[in-house]
Amino acid sequence: VAGTGYTGEDGVEIAVPADSAQDVWDSLMQVGIVPAGLGARDTL
C-alpha cells in the first residue's frame, strides 16, 4: 500500500495479487467506495 495517487485528493494505492483483486474490490464496494475509471482520474 502506497500513500500516493494521481487525482489531487488524499488516499492510497493498493497493489494486490491479481488472483485476489476481485475479493479486495468487493470489500471496498461494501463500504460505499464508488468505482471510477481512468477517464475520471484524468479529469481529476
PDB file of all heavy atoms in Angstrom:
ATOM      1  N   VAL A   1       0.845  -1.190   0.000  1.00  0.00           N
ATOM      2  CA  VAL A   1       0.000   0.000   0.000  1.00  0.00           C
ATOM      3  C   VAL A   1       0.881   1.241   0.000  1.00  0.00           C
ATOM      4  O   VAL A   1       1.818   1.345   0.803  1.00  0.00           O
ATOM      5  CB  VAL A   1      -0.945   0.013   1.219  1.00  0.00           C
ATOM      6  CG1 VAL A   1      -1.785   1.291   1.229  1.00  0.00           C
ATOM      7  CG2 VAL A   1      -1.845  -1.223   1.193  1.00  0.00           C
ATOM      8  N   ALA A   2       0.603   2.162  -0.900  1.00  0.00           N
ATOM      9  CA  ALA A   2       1.354   3.407  -1.001  1.00  0.00           C
ATOM     10  C   ALA A   2       0.417   4.593  -0.785  1.00  0.00           C
ATOM     11  O   ALA A   2      -0.700   4.609  -1.317  1.00  0.00           O
ATOM     12  CB  ALA A   2       2.022   3.518  -2.368  1.00  0.00           C
ATOM     13  N   GLY A   3       0.882   5.561  -0.014  1.00  0.00           N
ATOM     14  CA  GLY A   3       0.087   6.766   0.224  1.00  0.00           C
ATOM     15  C   GLY A   3       0.231   7.748  -0.919  1.00  0.00           C
ATOM     16  O   GLY A   3       0.670   8.883  -0.743  1.00  0.00           O
ATOM     17  N   THR A   4      -0.124   7.283  -2.102  1.00  0.00           N
ATOM     18  CA  THR A   4       0.008   8.088  -3.313  1.00  0.00           C
ATOM     19  C   THR A   4      -1.263   7.969  -4.142  1.00  0.00           C
ATOM     20  O   THR A   4      -2.160   7.200  -3.827  1.00  0.00           O
ATOM     21  CB  THR A   4       1.197   7.595  -4.166  1.00  0.00           C
ATOM     22  OG1 THR A   4       1.021   6.195  -4.439  1.00  0.00           O
ATOM     23  CG2 THR A   4       2.516   7.786  -3.440  1.00  0.00           C
ATOM     24  N   GLY A   5      -1.288   8.712  -5.220  1.00  0.00           N
ATOM     25  CA  GLY A   5      -2.435   8.675  -6.124  1.00  0.00           C
ATOM     26  C   GLY A   5      -2.381   9.883  -7.022  1.00  0.00           C
ATOM     27  O   GLY A   5      -1.781  10.902  -6.662  1.00  0.00           O
ATOM     28  N   TYR A   6      -3.000   9.791  -8.187  1.00  0.00           N
ATOM     29  CA  TYR A   6      -2.862  10.873  -9.150  1.00  0.00           C
ATOM     30  C   TYR A   6      -4.202  11.523  -9.436  1.00  0.00           C
ATOM     31  O   TYR A   6      -4.650  11.575 -10.577  1.00  0.00           O
ATOM     32  CB  TYR A   6      -2.214  10.350 -10.429  1.00  0.00           C
ATOM     33  CG  TYR A   6      -1.259  11.353 -11.017  1.00  0.00           C
ATOM     34  CD1 TYR A   6      -0.198  11.836 -10.263  1.00  0.00           C
ATOM     35  CD2 TYR A   6      -1.429  11.857 -12.296  1.00  0.00           C
ATOM     36  CE1 TYR A   6       0.680  12.777 -10.771  1.00  0.00           C
ATOM     37  CE2 TYR A   6      -0.559  12.792 -12.817  1.00  0.00           C
ATOM     38  CZ  TYR A   6       0.496  13.247 -12.051  1.00  0.00           C
ATOM     39  OH  TYR A   6       1.358  14.181 -12.567  1.00  0.00           O
ATOM     40  N   THR A   7      -4.834  12.001  -8.366  1.00  0.00           N
ATOM     41  CA  THR A   7      -6.133  12.647  -8.525  1.00  0.00           C
ATOM     42  C   THR A   7      -6.191  14.030  -7.890  1.00  0.00           C
ATOM     43  O   THR A   7      -7.169  14.741  -8.071  1.00  0.00           O
ATOM     44  CB  THR A   7      -7.246  11.804  -7.871  1.00  0.00           C
ATOM     45  OG1 THR A   7      -6.987  11.712  -6.460  1.00  0.00           O
ATOM     46  CG2 THR A   7      -7.301  10.412  -8.472  1.00  0.00           C
ATOM     47  N   GLY A   8      -5.163  14.408  -7.135  1.00  0.00           N
ATOM     48  CA  GLY A   8      -5.206  15.662  -6.399  1.00  0.00           C
ATOM     49  C   GLY A   8      -5.872  15.534  -5.045  1.00  0.00           C
ATOM     50  O   GLY A   8      -5.930  16.479  -4.273  1.00  0.00           O
ATOM     51  N   GLU A   9      -6.391  14.347  -4.735  1.00  0.00           N
ATOM     52  CA  GLU A   9      -7.030  14.083  -3.449  1.00  0.00           C
ATOM     53  C   GLU A   9      -6.151  13.152  -2.618  1.00  0.00           C
ATOM     54  O   GLU A   9      -5.240  12.503  -3.131  1.00  0.00           O
ATOM     55  CB  GLU A   9      -8.400  13.430  -3.647  1.00  0.00           C
ATOM     56  CG  GLU A   9      -9.487  14.379  -4.105  1.00  0.00           C
ATOM     57  CD  GLU A   9     -10.032  15.245  -2.982  1.00  0.00           C
ATOM     58  OE1 GLU A   9      -9.533  15.150  -1.849  1.00  0.00           O
ATOM     59  OE2 GLU A   9     -10.959  16.019  -3.259  1.00  0.00           O
ATOM     60  N   ASP A  10      -6.444  13.069  -1.331  1.00  0.00           N
ATOM     61  CA  ASP A  10      -5.747  12.144  -0.454  1.00  0.00           C
ATOM     62  C   ASP A  10      -6.235  10.723  -0.742  1.00  0.00           C
ATOM     63  O   ASP A  10      -7.293  10.516  -1.325  1.00  0.00           O
ATOM     64  CB  ASP A  10      -6.017  12.510   1.004  1.00  0.00           C
ATOM     65  CG  ASP A  10      -5.157  11.695   1.962  1.00  0.00           C
ATOM     66  OD1 ASP A  10      -4.086  11.219   1.548  1.00  0.00           O
ATOM     67  OD2 ASP A  10      -5.571  11.543   3.129  1.00  0.00           O
ATOM     68  N   GLY A  11      -5.441   9.763  -0.308  1.00  0.00           N
ATOM     69  CA  GLY A  11      -5.831   8.367  -0.472  1.00  0.00           C
ATOM     70  C   GLY A  11      -4.630   7.472  -0.622  1.00  0.00           C
ATOM     71  O   GLY A  11      -3.494   7.887  -0.370  1.00  0.00           O
ATOM     72  N   VAL A  12      -4.864   6.246  -1.025  1.00  0.00           N
ATOM     73  CA  VAL A  12      -3.795   5.256  -1.180  1.00  0.00           C
ATOM     74  C   VAL A  12      -3.997   4.475  -2.474  1.00  0.00           C
ATOM     75  O   VAL A  12      -5.080   4.478  -3.063  1.00  0.00           O
ATOM     76  CB  VAL A  12      -3.743   4.267   0.008  1.00  0.00           C
ATOM     77  CG1 VAL A  12      -3.570   4.997   1.328  1.00  0.00           C
ATOM     78  CG2 VAL A  12      -4.985   3.384   0.042  1.00  0.00           C
ATOM     79  N   GLU A  13      -2.910   3.791  -2.860  1.00  0.00           N
ATOM     80  CA  GLU A  13      -2.969   2.842  -3.958  1.00  0.00           C
ATOM     81  C   GLU A  13      -2.599   1.472  -3.392  1.00  0.00           C
ATOM     82  O   GLU A  13      -1.577   1.333  -2.718  1.00  0.00           O
ATOM     83  CB  GLU A  13      -2.019   3.247  -5.074  1.00  0.00           C
ATOM     84  CG  GLU A  13      -2.453   4.540  -5.750  1.00  0.00           C
ATOM     85  CD  GLU A  13      -1.470   5.007  -6.799  1.00  0.00           C
ATOM     86  OE1 GLU A  13      -0.298   5.267  -6.450  1.00  0.00           O
ATOM     87  OE2 GLU A  13      -1.871   5.110  -7.975  1.00  0.00           O
ATOM     88  N   ILE A  14      -3.428   0.478  -3.671  1.00  0.00           N
ATOM     89  CA  ILE A  14      -3.237  -0.864  -3.126  1.00  0.00           C
ATOM     90  C   ILE A  14      -2.817  -1.798  -4.251  1.00  0.00           C
ATOM     91  O   ILE A  14      -3.583  -2.027  -5.196  1.00  0.00           O
ATOM     92  CB  ILE A  14      -4.535  -1.378  -2.473  1.00  0.00           C
ATOM     93  CG1 ILE A  14      -5.048  -0.399  -1.416  1.00  0.00           C
ATOM     94  CG2 ILE A  14      -4.313  -2.754  -1.863  1.00  0.00           C
ATOM     95  CD1 ILE A  14      -6.417  -0.763  -0.863  1.00  0.00           C
ATOM     96  N   ALA A  15      -1.600  -2.332  -4.157  1.00  0.00           N
ATOM     97  CA  ALA A  15      -1.129  -3.341  -5.110  1.00  0.00           C
ATOM     98  C   ALA A  15      -1.466  -4.702  -4.529  1.00  0.00           C
ATOM     99  O   ALA A  15      -0.933  -5.114  -3.497  1.00  0.00           O
ATOM    100  CB  ALA A  15       0.366  -3.201  -5.336  1.00  0.00           C
ATOM    101  N   VAL A  16      -2.377  -5.398  -5.189  1.00  0.00           N
ATOM    102  CA  VAL A  16      -2.921  -6.641  -4.665  1.00  0.00           C
ATOM    103  C   VAL A  16      -2.654  -7.771  -5.674  1.00  0.00           C
ATOM    104  O   VAL A  16      -2.696  -7.535  -6.891  1.00  0.00           O
ATOM    105  CB  VAL A  16      -4.442  -6.487  -4.395  1.00  0.00           C
ATOM    106  CG1 VAL A  16      -5.177  -6.006  -5.621  1.00  0.00           C
ATOM    107  CG2 VAL A  16      -5.047  -7.784  -3.896  1.00  0.00           C
ATOM    108  N   PRO A  17      -2.333  -8.990  -5.209  1.00  0.00           N
ATOM    109  CA  PRO A  17      -2.175 -10.097  -6.156  1.00  0.00           C
ATOM    110  C   PRO A  17      -3.396 -10.218  -7.056  1.00  0.00           C
ATOM    111  O   PRO A  17      -4.540 -10.126  -6.586  1.00  0.00           O
ATOM    112  CB  PRO A  17      -2.033 -11.314  -5.237  1.00  0.00           C
ATOM    113  CG  PRO A  17      -1.462 -10.761  -3.974  1.00  0.00           C
ATOM    114  CD  PRO A  17      -2.084  -9.404  -3.815  1.00  0.00           C
ATOM    115  N   ALA A  18      -3.142 -10.385  -8.349  1.00  0.00           N
ATOM    116  CA  ALA A  18      -4.225 -10.334  -9.329  1.00  0.00           C
ATOM    117  C   ALA A  18      -5.333 -11.335  -9.030  1.00  0.00           C
ATOM    118  O   ALA A  18      -6.518 -11.033  -9.210  1.00  0.00           O
ATOM    119  CB  ALA A  18      -3.661 -10.554 -10.731  1.00  0.00           C
ATOM    120  N   ASP A  19      -4.962 -12.517  -8.546  1.00  0.00           N
ATOM    121  CA  ASP A  19      -6.000 -13.524  -8.314  1.00  0.00           C
ATOM    122  C   ASP A  19      -6.844 -13.229  -7.079  1.00  0.00           C
ATOM    123  O   ASP A  19      -7.852 -13.902  -6.831  1.00  0.00           O
ATOM    124  CB  ASP A  19      -5.392 -14.922  -8.230  1.00  0.00           C
ATOM    125  CG  ASP A  19      -4.322 -15.033  -7.154  1.00  0.00           C
ATOM    126  OD1 ASP A  19      -4.086 -14.052  -6.423  1.00  0.00           O
ATOM    127  OD2 ASP A  19      -3.706 -16.121  -7.052  1.00  0.00           O
ATOM    128  N   SER A  20      -6.444 -12.220  -6.285  1.00  0.00           N
ATOM    129  CA  SER A  20      -7.235 -11.817  -5.119  1.00  0.00           C
ATOM    130  C   SER A  20      -7.879 -10.445  -5.303  1.00  0.00           C
ATOM    131  O   SER A  20      -8.550  -9.944  -4.401  1.00  0.00           O
ATOM    132  CB  SER A  20      -6.349 -11.783  -3.868  1.00  0.00           C
ATOM    133  OG  SER A  20      -5.807 -13.049  -3.584  1.00  0.00           O
ATOM    134  N   ALA A  21      -7.661  -9.839  -6.464  1.00  0.00           N
ATOM    135  CA  ALA A  21      -8.141  -8.472  -6.689  1.00  0.00           C
ATOM    136  C   ALA A  21      -9.662  -8.367  -6.571  1.00  0.00           C
ATOM    137  O   ALA A  21     -10.189  -7.391  -6.036  1.00  0.00           O
ATOM    138  CB  ALA A  21      -7.675  -7.978  -8.049  1.00  0.00           C
ATOM    139  N   GLN A  22     -10.366  -9.375  -7.062  1.00  0.00           N
ATOM    140  CA  GLN A  22     -11.833  -9.327  -7.006  1.00  0.00           C
ATOM    141  C   GLN A  22     -12.319  -9.300  -5.562  1.00  0.00           C
ATOM    142  O   GLN A  22     -13.263  -8.560  -5.224  1.00  0.00           O
ATOM    143  CB  GLN A  22     -12.437 -10.523  -7.740  1.00  0.00           C
ATOM    144  CG  GLN A  22     -13.963 -10.488  -7.828  1.00  0.00           C
ATOM    145  CD  GLN A  22     -14.474  -9.369  -8.716  1.00  0.00           C
ATOM    146  OE1 GLN A  22     -14.079  -9.296  -9.891  1.00  0.00           O
ATOM    147  NE2 GLN A  22     -15.313  -8.498  -8.186  1.00  0.00           N
ATOM    148  N   ASP A  23     -11.692 -10.082  -4.683  1.00  0.00           N
ATOM    149  CA  ASP A  23     -12.110 -10.114  -3.278  1.00  0.00           C
ATOM    150  C   ASP A  23     -11.880  -8.756  -2.614  1.00  0.00           C
ATOM    151  O   ASP A  23     -12.748  -8.263  -1.871  1.00  0.00           O
ATOM    152  CB  ASP A  23     -11.331 -11.191  -2.519  1.00  0.00           C
ATOM    153  CG  ASP A  23     -11.689 -12.600  -2.978  1.00  0.00           C
ATOM    154  OD1 ASP A  23     -12.796 -12.771  -3.535  1.00  0.00           O
ATOM    155  OD2 ASP A  23     -10.862 -13.505  -2.793  1.00  0.00           O
ATOM    156  N   VAL A  24     -10.720  -8.151  -2.865  1.00  0.00           N
ATOM    157  CA  VAL A  24     -10.432  -6.841  -2.283  1.00  0.00           C
ATOM    158  C   VAL A  24     -11.388  -5.797  -2.858  1.00  0.00           C
ATOM    159  O   VAL A  24     -11.928  -4.955  -2.131  1.00  0.00           O
ATOM    160  CB  VAL A  24      -8.965  -6.451  -2.524  1.00  0.00           C
ATOM    161  CG1 VAL A  24      -8.690  -5.026  -2.036  1.00  0.00           C
ATOM    162  CG2 VAL A  24      -8.033  -7.438  -1.822  1.00  0.00           C
ATOM    163  N   TRP A  25     -11.624  -5.863  -4.152  1.00  0.00           N
ATOM    164  CA  TRP A  25     -12.556  -4.929  -4.802  1.00  0.00           C
ATOM    165  C   TRP A  25     -13.942  -5.037  -4.166  1.00  0.00           C
ATOM    166  O   TRP A  25     -14.560  -4.015  -3.825  1.00  0.00           O
ATOM    167  CB  TRP A  25     -12.626  -5.249  -6.295  1.00  0.00           C
ATOM    168  CG  TRP A  25     -13.674  -4.473  -7.053  1.00  0.00           C
ATOM    169  CD1 TRP A  25     -14.998  -4.776  -7.167  1.00  0.00           C
ATOM    170  CD2 TRP A  25     -13.485  -3.268  -7.792  1.00  0.00           C
ATOM    171  NE1 TRP A  25     -15.659  -3.851  -7.930  1.00  0.00           N
ATOM    172  CE2 TRP A  25     -14.743  -2.905  -8.336  1.00  0.00           C
ATOM    173  CE3 TRP A  25     -12.378  -2.466  -8.075  1.00  0.00           C
ATOM    174  CZ2 TRP A  25     -14.911  -1.775  -9.135  1.00  0.00           C
ATOM    175  CZ3 TRP A  25     -12.555  -1.340  -8.869  1.00  0.00           C
ATOM    176  CH2 TRP A  25     -13.805  -1.012  -9.392  1.00  0.00           C
ATOM    177  N   ASP A  26     -14.438  -6.249  -4.005  1.00  0.00           N
ATOM    178  CA  ASP A  26     -15.766  -6.431  -3.424  1.00  0.00           C
ATOM    179  C   ASP A  26     -15.835  -5.857  -2.014  1.00  0.00           C
ATOM    180  O   ASP A  26     -16.847  -5.251  -1.629  1.00  0.00           O
ATOM    181  CB  ASP A  26     -16.125  -7.923  -3.397  1.00  0.00           C
ATOM    182  CG  ASP A  26     -16.358  -8.493  -4.789  1.00  0.00           C
ATOM    183  OD1 ASP A  26     -16.586  -7.709  -5.730  1.00  0.00           O
ATOM    184  OD2 ASP A  26     -16.306  -9.735  -4.931  1.00  0.00           O
ATOM    185  N   SER A  27     -14.765  -6.011  -1.239  1.00  0.00           N
ATOM    186  CA  SER A  27     -14.742  -5.458   0.118  1.00  0.00           C
ATOM    187  C   SER A  27     -14.808  -3.938   0.095  1.00  0.00           C
ATOM    188  O   SER A  27     -15.491  -3.317   0.918  1.00  0.00           O
ATOM    189  CB  SER A  27     -13.475  -5.912   0.851  1.00  0.00           C
ATOM    190  OG  SER A  27     -13.456  -7.310   1.008  1.00  0.00           O
ATOM    191  N   LEU A  28     -14.121  -3.325  -0.849  1.00  0.00           N
ATOM    192  CA  LEU A  28     -14.152  -1.866  -0.966  1.00  0.00           C
ATOM    193  C   LEU A  28     -15.542  -1.376  -1.354  1.00  0.00           C
ATOM    194  O   LEU A  28     -16.020  -0.355  -0.853  1.00  0.00           O
ATOM    195  CB  LEU A  28     -13.120  -1.412  -2.002  1.00  0.00           C
ATOM    196  CG  LEU A  28     -11.647  -1.693  -1.671  1.00  0.00           C
ATOM    197  CD1 LEU A  28     -10.760  -1.299  -2.839  1.00  0.00           C
ATOM    198  CD2 LEU A  28     -11.223  -0.969  -0.407  1.00  0.00           C
ATOM    199  N   MET A  29     -16.196  -2.097  -2.247  1.00  0.00           N
ATOM    200  CA  MET A  29     -17.543  -1.694  -2.665  1.00  0.00           C
ATOM    201  C   MET A  29     -18.537  -1.768  -1.504  1.00  0.00           C
ATOM    202  O   MET A  29     -19.487  -0.993  -1.427  1.00  0.00           O
ATOM    203  CB  MET A  29     -18.033  -2.583  -3.818  1.00  0.00           C
ATOM    204  CG  MET A  29     -17.213  -2.503  -5.101  1.00  0.00           C
ATOM    205  SD  MET A  29     -17.070  -0.846  -5.819  1.00  0.00           S
ATOM    206  CE  MET A  29     -15.409  -0.391  -5.255  1.00  0.00           C
ATOM    207  N   GLN A  30     -18.301  -2.695  -0.578  1.00  0.00           N
ATOM    208  CA  GLN A  30     -19.230  -2.888   0.531  1.00  0.00           C
ATOM    209  C   GLN A  30     -19.213  -1.745   1.536  1.00  0.00           C
ATOM    210  O   GLN A  30     -20.145  -1.607   2.332  1.00  0.00           O
ATOM    211  CB  GLN A  30     -18.918  -4.208   1.237  1.00  0.00           C
ATOM    212  CG  GLN A  30     -19.266  -5.440   0.406  1.00  0.00           C
ATOM    213  CD  GLN A  30     -18.761  -6.734   1.021  1.00  0.00           C
ATOM    214  OE1 GLN A  30     -18.280  -6.745   2.155  1.00  0.00           O
ATOM    215  NE2 GLN A  30     -18.851  -7.820   0.262  1.00  0.00           N
ATOM    216  N   VAL A  31     -18.163  -0.919   1.528  1.00  0.00           N
ATOM    217  CA  VAL A  31     -18.110   0.211   2.467  1.00  0.00           C
ATOM    218  C   VAL A  31     -18.429   1.532   1.771  1.00  0.00           C
ATOM    219  O   VAL A  31     -18.124   2.611   2.285  1.00  0.00           O
ATOM    220  CB  VAL A  31     -16.743   0.295   3.180  1.00  0.00           C
ATOM    221  CG1 VAL A  31     -16.559  -0.919   4.076  1.00  0.00           C
ATOM    222  CG2 VAL A  31     -15.585   0.428   2.189  1.00  0.00           C
ATOM    223  N   GLY A  32     -19.030   1.443   0.602  1.00  0.00           N
ATOM    224  CA  GLY A  32     -19.534   2.645  -0.060  1.00  0.00           C
ATOM    225  C   GLY A  32     -18.548   3.384  -0.926  1.00  0.00           C
ATOM    226  O   GLY A  32     -18.785   4.538  -1.307  1.00  0.00           O
ATOM    227  N   ILE A  33     -17.423   2.739  -1.247  1.00  0.00           N
ATOM    228  CA  ILE A  33     -16.479   3.358  -2.177  1.00  0.00           C
ATOM    229  C   ILE A  33     -17.022   3.178  -3.595  1.00  0.00           C
ATOM    230  O   ILE A  33     -17.405   2.086  -3.996  1.00  0.00           O
ATOM    231  CB  ILE A  33     -15.085   2.729  -2.022  1.00  0.00           C
ATOM    232  CG1 ILE A  33     -14.512   3.100  -0.647  1.00  0.00           C
ATOM    233  CG2 ILE A  33     -14.151   3.178  -3.132  1.00  0.00           C
ATOM    234  CD1 ILE A  33     -13.209   2.428  -0.309  1.00  0.00           C
ATOM    235  N   VAL A  34     -17.072   4.275  -4.340  1.00  0.00           N
ATOM    236  CA  VAL A  34     -17.711   4.272  -5.660  1.00  0.00           C
ATOM    237  C   VAL A  34     -16.648   4.068  -6.737  1.00  0.00           C
ATOM    238  O   VAL A  34     -15.626   4.762  -6.749  1.00  0.00           O
ATOM    239  CB  VAL A  34     -18.447   5.602  -5.905  1.00  0.00           C
ATOM    240  CG1 VAL A  34     -19.088   5.617  -7.290  1.00  0.00           C
ATOM    241  CG2 VAL A  34     -19.504   5.828  -4.827  1.00  0.00           C
ATOM    242  N   PRO A  35     -16.847   3.111  -7.646  1.00  0.00           N
ATOM    243  CA  PRO A  35     -15.845   2.869  -8.695  1.00  0.00           C
ATOM    244  C   PRO A  35     -15.788   4.000  -9.712  1.00  0.00           C
ATOM    245  O   PRO A  35     -16.801   4.645 -10.014  1.00  0.00           O
ATOM    246  CB  PRO A  35     -16.313   1.561  -9.336  1.00  0.00           C
ATOM    247  CG  PRO A  35     -17.770   1.487  -9.042  1.00  0.00           C
ATOM    248  CD  PRO A  35     -17.973   2.166  -7.716  1.00  0.00           C
ATOM    249  N   ALA A  36     -14.597   4.244 -10.219  1.00  0.00           N
ATOM    250  CA  ALA A  36     -14.391   5.246 -11.273  1.00  0.00           C
ATOM    251  C   ALA A  36     -13.252   4.765 -12.158  1.00  0.00           C
ATOM    252  O   ALA A  36     -12.318   4.118 -11.681  1.00  0.00           O
ATOM    253  CB  ALA A  36     -14.063   6.610 -10.679  1.00  0.00           C
ATOM    254  N   GLY A  37     -13.309   5.101 -13.428  1.00  0.00           N
ATOM    255  CA  GLY A  37     -12.304   4.639 -14.376  1.00  0.00           C
ATOM    256  C   GLY A  37     -11.178   5.629 -14.586  1.00  0.00           C
ATOM    257  O   GLY A  37     -11.113   6.689 -13.941  1.00  0.00           O
ATOM    258  N   LEU A  38     -10.282   5.299 -15.515  1.00  0.00           N
ATOM    259  CA  LEU A  38      -9.125   6.144 -15.783  1.00  0.00           C
ATOM    260  C   LEU A  38      -9.521   7.501 -16.351  1.00  0.00           C
ATOM    261  O   LEU A  38      -8.827   8.492 -16.147  1.00  0.00           O
ATOM    262  CB  LEU A  38      -8.176   5.432 -16.752  1.00  0.00           C
ATOM    263  CG  LEU A  38      -7.419   4.228 -16.180  1.00  0.00           C
ATOM    264  CD1 LEU A  38      -6.585   3.570 -17.271  1.00  0.00           C
ATOM    265  CD2 LEU A  38      -6.538   4.650 -15.017  1.00  0.00           C
ATOM    266  N   GLY A  39     -10.636   7.558 -17.077  1.00  0.00           N
ATOM    267  CA  GLY A  39     -11.092   8.841 -17.595  1.00  0.00           C
ATOM    268  C   GLY A  39     -11.424   9.817 -16.477  1.00  0.00           C
ATOM    269  O   GLY A  39     -11.104  11.001 -16.559  1.00  0.00           O
ATOM    270  N   ALA A  40     -12.053   9.311 -15.421  1.00  0.00           N
ATOM    271  CA  ALA A  40     -12.365  10.162 -14.271  1.00  0.00           C
ATOM    272  C   ALA A  40     -11.090  10.600 -13.580  1.00  0.00           C
ATOM    273  O   ALA A  40     -10.953  11.758 -13.164  1.00  0.00           O
ATOM    274  CB  ALA A  40     -13.260   9.400 -13.291  1.00  0.00           C
ATOM    275  N   ARG A  41     -10.123   9.687 -13.459  1.00  0.00           N
ATOM    276  CA  ARG A  41      -8.854  10.056 -12.827  1.00  0.00           C
ATOM    277  C   ARG A  41      -8.152  11.143 -13.625  1.00  0.00           C
ATOM    278  O   ARG A  41      -7.569  12.073 -13.058  1.00  0.00           O
ATOM    279  CB  ARG A  41      -7.943   8.835 -12.690  1.00  0.00           C
ATOM    280  CG  ARG A  41      -6.701   9.129 -11.857  1.00  0.00           C
ATOM    281  CD  ARG A  41      -5.673   8.031 -11.921  1.00  0.00           C
ATOM    282  NE  ARG A  41      -5.059   7.935 -13.243  1.00  0.00           N
ATOM    283  CZ  ARG A  41      -3.942   7.250 -13.490  1.00  0.00           C
ATOM    284  NH1 ARG A  41      -3.348   6.577 -12.519  1.00  0.00           N
ATOM    285  NH2 ARG A  41      -3.440   7.204 -14.704  1.00  0.00           N
ATOM    286  N   ASP A  42      -8.205  11.048 -14.958  1.00  0.00           N
ATOM    287  CA  ASP A  42      -7.534  12.045 -15.782  1.00  0.00           C
ATOM    288  C   ASP A  42      -8.175  13.414 -15.614  1.00  0.00           C
ATOM    289  O   ASP A  42      -7.485  14.439 -15.590  1.00  0.00           O
ATOM    290  CB  ASP A  42      -7.549  11.624 -17.246  1.00  0.00           C
ATOM    291  CG  ASP A  42      -6.640  12.493 -18.095  1.00  0.00           C
ATOM    292  OD1 ASP A  42      -5.436  12.585 -17.771  1.00  0.00           O
ATOM    293  OD2 ASP A  42      -7.119  13.103 -19.061  1.00  0.00           O
ATOM    294  N   THR A  43      -9.496  13.453 -15.500  1.00  0.00           N
ATOM    295  CA  THR A  43     -10.174  14.728 -15.262  1.00  0.00           C
ATOM    296  C   THR A  43      -9.751  15.319 -13.919  1.00  0.00           C
ATOM    297  O   THR A  43      -9.482  16.521 -13.816  1.00  0.00           O
ATOM    298  CB  THR A  43     -11.701  14.524 -15.280  1.00  0.00           C
ATOM    299  OG1 THR A  43     -12.093  14.032 -16.557  1.00  0.00           O
ATOM    300  CG2 THR A  43     -12.421  15.832 -15.020  1.00  0.00           C
ATOM    301  N   LEU A  44      -9.662  14.470 -12.898  1.00  0.00           N
ATOM    302  CA  LEU A  44      -9.276  14.944 -11.567  1.00  0.00           C
ATOM    303  C   LEU A  44      -7.848  15.476 -11.557  1.00  0.00           C
ATOM    304  O   LEU A  44      -7.570  16.535 -10.988  1.00  0.00           O
ATOM    305  CB  LEU A  44      -9.422  13.814 -10.553  1.00  0.00           C
ATOM    306  CG  LEU A  44     -10.855  13.389 -10.243  1.00  0.00           C
ATOM    307  CD1 LEU A  44     -10.871  12.065  -9.499  1.00  0.00           C
ATOM    308  CD2 LEU A  44     -11.565  14.455  -9.428  1.00  0.00           C
TER     309      LEU A  44
END
